[in-house]
C-alpha cells in the first residue's frame, strides 16, 4: 500500500490498530521555533526522531534537551532520537527555526524507561557494491544493541550509496511466524530523494512465482509493507533515503526469509550477511 505525500497536519499517517499494519504507528510532526506538540500513543512504545531540526523532549519526568543536529535534510548529519515508554506522554518542543519529526511506534504492553540516542550511539553498517547495484548504508537508531531496553520496535535509516541502484535485495519477506525461518514484522517506510525531484520504485510481490505490484515513489512517499517480498530502487542520478519502522509480533529480532528464486544472490553481495545479522 502506497500513501502519497500530503499535509497530515501532525496527525498520524499510520494510526494505532491500522488495518494493514496493526503492529506499527507512524506520525510526522512539523513545528516552528517555540511550538510544542504532545504525543501519546496508548499501547505503543515510540521513538521520536527529528528528520531535521533540533527539539527538546520531555517524558517520564525527564528532559532530553537539544536532540537533533540536521538543519536542512536527512543527508546533513547523523540521526538522534528519544525512546518513549509504552503509552507515555511526550512533549516535543522545537528549538530550531523549524523541525520535522518522525514518531515511530510498535505495539507493546511492557513499560521500559525512556532514554536518548545521540549521534555517537548510532550503529551504522555499509554493504553491497556498485557492481551489484546494491550499495547502501544503514544507520540503526534502535537496533540490536538495545534489545534489553526496548520491546518490539526497530528503527533505522537506509541510504543508497552513490546514485541509482537497488535496496532490499535479494527480495525477502517477514510476514509469518515460523521460526527459525522467519518472523512476522509489520513494516512502514517514509522515503526522501536527493535532489527532491528524484523518484524510485517499490515492488511488492505477495506470492513467489506470481506477478506483484509496483508503486511510484516520490519525496515524502510512505509505504506500508504488510506481507510479501519488497525490494525497491532509485532512478540513476539520484540518492534515496528511507526511514524504516519494524514492529515484531512475538519478538524484536527480525528473521528475514529470502525469496527462493533470488536467495543465491546473497553470496554475490559484499557484506550482506553482516547486514542481516544487525537486525537479529
Protein backbone atom coordinates (compact mmCIF):
# COMPACT_ATOMS: atom_id res chain seq x y z
CA UNK A 1 0.00 0.00 0.00
CA UNK A 2 1.38 3.38 -1.06
CA UNK A 3 0.42 6.65 0.68
CA UNK A 4 1.30 9.69 -1.41
CA UNK A 5 2.77 12.67 0.47
CA UNK A 6 0.19 15.04 1.92
CA UNK A 7 -0.17 17.61 4.70
CA UNK A 8 -1.09 15.35 7.60
CA UNK A 9 -1.38 18.37 9.97
CA UNK A 10 0.56 16.48 12.66
CA UNK A 11 -2.00 13.68 12.68
CA UNK A 12 -0.87 10.02 12.38
CA UNK A 13 -0.21 8.70 8.89
CA UNK A 14 -0.36 5.16 10.30
CA UNK A 15 -2.55 5.27 13.38
CA UNK A 16 -2.94 2.71 16.14
CA UNK A 17 -4.61 -0.56 15.07
CA UNK A 18 -4.12 0.18 11.37
CA UNK A 19 -5.97 -2.47 9.30
CA UNK A 20 -2.88 -3.42 7.26
CA UNK A 21 -0.07 -2.99 9.81
CA UNK A 22 -1.61 -3.02 13.30
CA UNK A 23 1.78 -3.50 14.96
CA UNK A 24 3.15 -0.14 13.66
CA UNK A 25 2.45 3.52 14.42
CA UNK A 26 3.83 6.43 12.35
CA UNK A 27 3.40 10.18 12.53
CA UNK A 28 5.20 13.16 11.00
CA UNK A 29 5.17 16.35 13.07
CA UNK A 30 6.19 19.75 11.72
CA UNK A 31 6.92 22.57 14.17
CA UNK A 32 8.36 26.08 14.17
CA UNK A 33 10.60 27.57 16.84
CA UNK A 34 8.91 27.55 20.24
CA UNK A 35 5.97 25.41 19.16
CA UNK A 36 5.17 22.21 21.04
CA UNK A 37 3.30 19.01 20.31
CA UNK A 38 2.17 16.39 22.79
CA UNK A 39 2.43 12.78 21.61
CA UNK A 40 0.64 9.99 23.46
CA UNK A 41 0.10 6.60 21.81
CA UNK A 42 -1.80 4.21 24.03
CA UNK A 43 -0.46 0.67 23.85
CA UNK A 44 2.58 1.56 21.72
CA UNK A 45 6.21 2.22 22.60
CA UNK A 46 7.54 5.04 20.44
CA UNK A 47 10.76 6.58 19.18
CA UNK A 48 10.92 10.30 18.37
CA UNK A 49 13.42 11.11 15.63
CA UNK A 50 13.93 14.62 14.22
CA UNK A 51 14.44 14.23 10.48
CA UNK A 52 15.61 17.85 10.53
CA UNK A 53 15.86 20.46 13.25
CA UNK A 54 16.52 20.38 16.99
CA UNK A 55 13.95 19.52 19.65
CA UNK A 56 13.54 19.08 23.38
CA UNK A 57 11.57 16.05 24.53
CA UNK A 58 10.04 15.89 27.99
CA UNK A 59 8.75 12.45 29.02
CA UNK A 60 8.65 10.26 32.11
CA UNK A 61 9.73 13.16 34.32
CA UNK A 62 12.92 13.68 32.30
CA UNK A 63 14.01 16.37 29.87
CA UNK A 64 16.04 15.28 26.86
CA UNK A 65 17.38 18.57 25.50
CA UNK A 66 18.77 19.58 22.10
CA UNK A 67 18.02 16.34 20.24
CA UNK A 68 18.85 16.50 16.54
CA UNK A 69 21.57 18.32 14.63
CA UNK A 70 20.47 18.12 11.00
CA UNK A 71 19.50 21.55 9.72
CA UNK A 72 18.28 21.07 6.14
CA UNK A 73 17.99 17.45 5.02
CA UNK A 74 18.46 13.89 6.24
CA UNK A 75 21.77 13.84 4.34
CA UNK A 76 23.28 16.53 6.62
CA UNK A 77 24.48 14.66 9.68
CA UNK A 78 23.70 11.74 11.96
CA UNK A 79 20.27 10.99 13.43
CA UNK A 80 19.38 11.38 17.09
CA UNK A 81 16.27 10.21 18.94
CA UNK A 82 14.40 9.66 22.18
CA UNK A 83 12.79 6.36 23.14
CA UNK A 84 9.41 6.86 24.85
CA UNK A 85 7.83 4.28 27.15
CA UNK A 86 4.66 2.44 26.13
CA UNK A 87 1.67 4.75 26.38
CA UNK A 88 3.70 7.58 27.90
CA UNK A 89 3.15 11.25 27.10
CA UNK A 90 5.99 13.07 25.34
CA UNK A 91 6.03 16.84 24.94
CA UNK A 92 8.09 17.83 21.89
CA UNK A 93 9.28 21.44 21.64
CA UNK A 94 11.06 22.90 18.61
CA UNK A 95 14.32 24.70 19.43
CA UNK A 96 15.43 25.45 15.86
CA UNK A 97 13.79 27.62 13.21
CA UNK A 98 11.78 24.62 12.05
CA UNK A 99 11.74 20.89 12.72
CA UNK A 100 10.28 17.85 11.01
CA UNK A 101 9.92 14.95 13.42
CA UNK A 102 9.23 11.27 12.81
CA UNK A 103 7.35 9.36 15.52
CA UNK A 104 7.75 5.59 15.11
CA UNK A 105 5.87 3.10 17.26
CA UNK A 106 5.36 -0.60 17.93
CA UNK A 107 2.52 -2.33 19.73
CA UNK A 108 3.86 -3.46 23.10
CA UNK A 109 2.46 -3.70 26.62
CA UNK A 110 5.53 -3.65 28.88
CA UNK A 111 6.93 -0.31 30.08
CA UNK A 112 10.65 0.38 29.63
CA UNK A 113 12.27 3.63 30.85
CA UNK A 114 12.84 6.42 28.31
CA UNK A 115 16.33 7.24 27.05
CA UNK A 116 18.11 9.33 24.42
CA UNK A 117 20.01 8.04 21.40
CA UNK A 118 22.72 10.52 20.41
CA UNK A 119 24.79 10.70 17.24
CA UNK A 120 27.65 8.80 18.89
CA UNK A 121 25.26 5.93 19.70
CA UNK A 122 24.20 5.26 16.10
CA UNK A 123 25.16 1.81 14.81
CA UNK A 124 25.99 2.09 11.07
CA UNK A 125 26.76 -0.57 8.51
CA UNK A 126 27.60 -0.24 4.82
CA UNK A 127 27.37 -3.12 2.39
CA UNK A 128 26.87 -4.05 -1.25
CA UNK A 129 28.80 -2.69 -4.21
CA UNK A 130 28.45 -0.51 -7.27
CA UNK A 131 29.00 -3.61 -9.41
CA UNK A 132 25.99 -5.42 -7.92
CA UNK A 133 23.87 -2.21 -7.90
CA UNK A 134 23.19 -2.80 -4.19
CA UNK A 135 25.49 -0.30 -2.47
CA UNK A 136 23.84 1.22 0.62
CA UNK A 137 24.33 2.34 4.21
CA UNK A 138 22.07 1.63 7.18
CA UNK A 139 22.09 3.77 10.32
CA UNK A 140 20.49 1.80 13.13
CA UNK A 141 18.79 4.13 15.61
CA UNK A 142 17.05 1.45 17.67
CA UNK A 143 19.00 -1.62 16.58
CA UNK A 144 20.09 -4.87 18.16
CA UNK A 145 22.25 -3.12 20.79
CA UNK A 146 19.04 -2.05 22.57
CA UNK A 147 17.40 -5.47 22.95
CA UNK A 148 17.38 -5.15 26.74
CA UNK A 149 15.89 -1.62 26.68
CA UNK A 150 13.16 -1.85 24.02
CA UNK A 151 10.20 -4.16 23.42
CA UNK A 152 9.36 -4.90 19.76
CA UNK A 153 10.47 -1.75 17.93
CA UNK A 154 13.31 -1.49 15.38
CA UNK A 155 14.07 1.92 13.83
CA UNK A 156 16.69 2.70 11.20
CA UNK A 157 17.59 4.99 8.32
CA UNK A 158 18.63 3.49 4.97
CA UNK A 159 20.59 5.32 2.30
CA UNK A 160 21.59 4.34 -1.19
CA UNK A 161 25.32 4.92 -1.66
CA UNK A 162 26.11 6.73 -4.88
CA UNK A 163 23.24 7.35 -7.30
CA UNK A 164 20.80 4.76 -8.56
CA UNK A 165 20.59 1.12 -7.53
CA UNK A 166 18.54 -1.36 -5.53
CA UNK A 167 17.72 -1.82 -1.87
CA UNK A 168 16.04 -4.67 -0.05
CA UNK A 169 17.53 -7.17 -2.47
CA UNK A 170 17.66 -10.15 -2.64
CA UNK A 171 13.89 -9.98 -2.28
CA UNK A 172 12.78 -11.01 1.19
CA UNK A 173 9.70 -11.07 3.39
CA UNK A 174 8.83 -11.25 7.10
CA UNK A 175 5.07 -11.78 7.31
CA UNK A 176 4.80 -15.19 9.02
CA UNK A 177 5.91 -16.50 12.39
CA UNK A 178 7.72 -19.75 11.62
CA UNK A 179 10.98 -19.79 13.45
CA UNK A 180 13.77 -20.40 12.73
CA UNK A 181 12.97 -19.46 9.10
CA UNK A 182 11.02 -16.22 9.52
CA UNK A 183 9.33 -13.80 11.91
CA UNK A 184 6.23 -11.65 11.49
CA UNK A 185 7.23 -7.99 11.49
CA UNK A 186 4.98 -5.24 10.13
CA UNK A 187 6.97 -2.53 8.34
CA UNK A 188 6.50 1.08 7.25
CA UNK A 189 8.85 3.27 5.18
CA UNK A 190 8.99 7.00 4.51
CA UNK A 191 11.09 7.99 1.50
CA UNK A 192 13.18 11.05 0.63
CA UNK A 193 15.20 11.77 -2.52
CA UNK A 194 18.24 13.91 -3.29
CA UNK A 195 17.59 16.10 -5.23
CA UNK A 196 13.93 16.07 -4.06
CA UNK A 197 12.51 15.75 -7.58
CA UNK A 198 14.09 12.28 -7.83
CA UNK A 199 11.95 9.20 -7.57
CA UNK A 200 12.03 5.44 -7.26
CA UNK A 201 10.04 2.24 -7.39
CA UNK A 202 8.72 -0.10 -4.70
CA UNK A 203 7.93 -3.66 -5.72
CA UNK A 204 5.56 -5.80 -3.67
CA UNK A 205 5.24 -9.43 -4.72
CA UNK A 206 2.87 -11.22 -2.39
CA UNK A 207 3.48 -14.76 -3.64
CA UNK A 208 6.59 -16.31 -5.16
CA UNK A 209 6.14 -17.01 -8.85
CA UNK A 210 3.13 -14.71 -9.28
CA UNK A 211 3.06 -11.11 -10.56
CA UNK A 212 3.01 -8.43 -7.90
CA UNK A 213 2.55 -4.67 -7.78
CA UNK A 214 4.83 -1.68 -8.30
CA UNK A 215 4.45 1.79 -6.79
CA UNK A 216 5.97 5.07 -7.94
CA UNK A 217 7.86 6.60 -5.00
CA UNK A 218 8.34 10.36 -4.68
CA UNK A 219 9.81 12.58 -1.98
CA UNK A 220 7.64 12.01 1.10
CA UNK A 221 6.03 8.74 -0.02
CA UNK A 222 5.01 6.31 2.73
CA UNK A 223 4.96 2.58 2.01
CA UNK A 224 3.01 0.07 4.09
CA UNK A 225 4.52 -3.43 3.95
CA UNK A 226 2.04 -5.93 5.34
CA UNK A 227 3.16 -9.05 3.51
CA UNK A 228 5.23 -10.27 0.57
CA UNK A 229 8.64 -9.68 -0.99
CA UNK A 230 9.52 -5.98 -1.21
CA UNK A 231 12.69 -4.73 -2.95
CA UNK A 232 12.89 -1.07 -4.06
CA UNK A 233 15.11 1.03 -6.31
CA UNK A 234 16.00 4.62 -7.14
CA UNK A 235 16.46 6.22 -10.56
CA UNK A 236 20.01 6.73 -11.86
CA UNK A 237 21.37 10.14 -10.89
CA UNK A 238 19.52 10.35 -7.55
CA UNK A 239 20.08 9.33 -3.96
CA UNK A 240 17.35 7.63 -1.93
CA UNK A 241 16.70 7.59 1.82
CA UNK A 242 14.02 5.80 3.72
CA UNK A 243 13.06 5.90 7.37
CA UNK A 244 12.22 2.35 8.45
CA UNK A 245 9.93 1.15 11.22
CA UNK A 246 9.76 -2.57 12.03
CA UNK A 247 7.47 -3.96 14.72
CA UNK A 248 7.58 -7.63 15.68
CA UNK A 249 4.52 -9.61 16.66
CA UNK A 250 6.20 -12.05 19.05
CA UNK A 251 9.82 -10.85 19.26
CA UNK A 252 12.05 -7.91 18.44
CA UNK A 253 14.73 -9.75 16.44
CA UNK A 254 13.95 -9.82 12.72
CA UNK A 255 14.39 -13.02 10.73
CA UNK A 256 14.04 -12.35 7.01
CA UNK A 257 13.01 -15.08 4.57
CA UNK A 258 14.73 -14.61 1.23
CA UNK A 259 12.79 -15.42 -1.91
CA UNK A 260 13.99 -18.85 -3.07
CA UNK A 261 14.37 -17.77 -6.69
CA UNK A 262 16.81 -14.99 -5.69
CA UNK A 263 18.33 -16.24 -2.44
CA UNK A 264 21.55 -17.44 -4.10
CA UNK A 265 22.47 -13.80 -4.76
CA UNK A 266 23.18 -13.37 -1.06
CA UNK A 267 26.54 -14.91 -1.93
CA UNK A 268 27.28 -12.20 -4.54
CA UNK A 269 26.66 -9.06 -2.43
CA UNK A 270 29.61 -7.96 -0.25
CA UNK A 271 28.77 -7.54 3.43
CA UNK A 272 25.11 -8.50 3.20
CA UNK A 273 25.40 -11.26 5.82
CA UNK A 274 26.68 -8.70 8.32
CA UNK A 275 23.69 -6.50 7.47
CA UNK A 276 21.27 -9.39 8.06
CA UNK A 277 22.88 -10.11 11.44
CA UNK A 278 22.40 -6.47 12.56
CA UNK A 279 18.60 -6.91 12.53
CA UNK A 280 18.67 -10.01 14.76
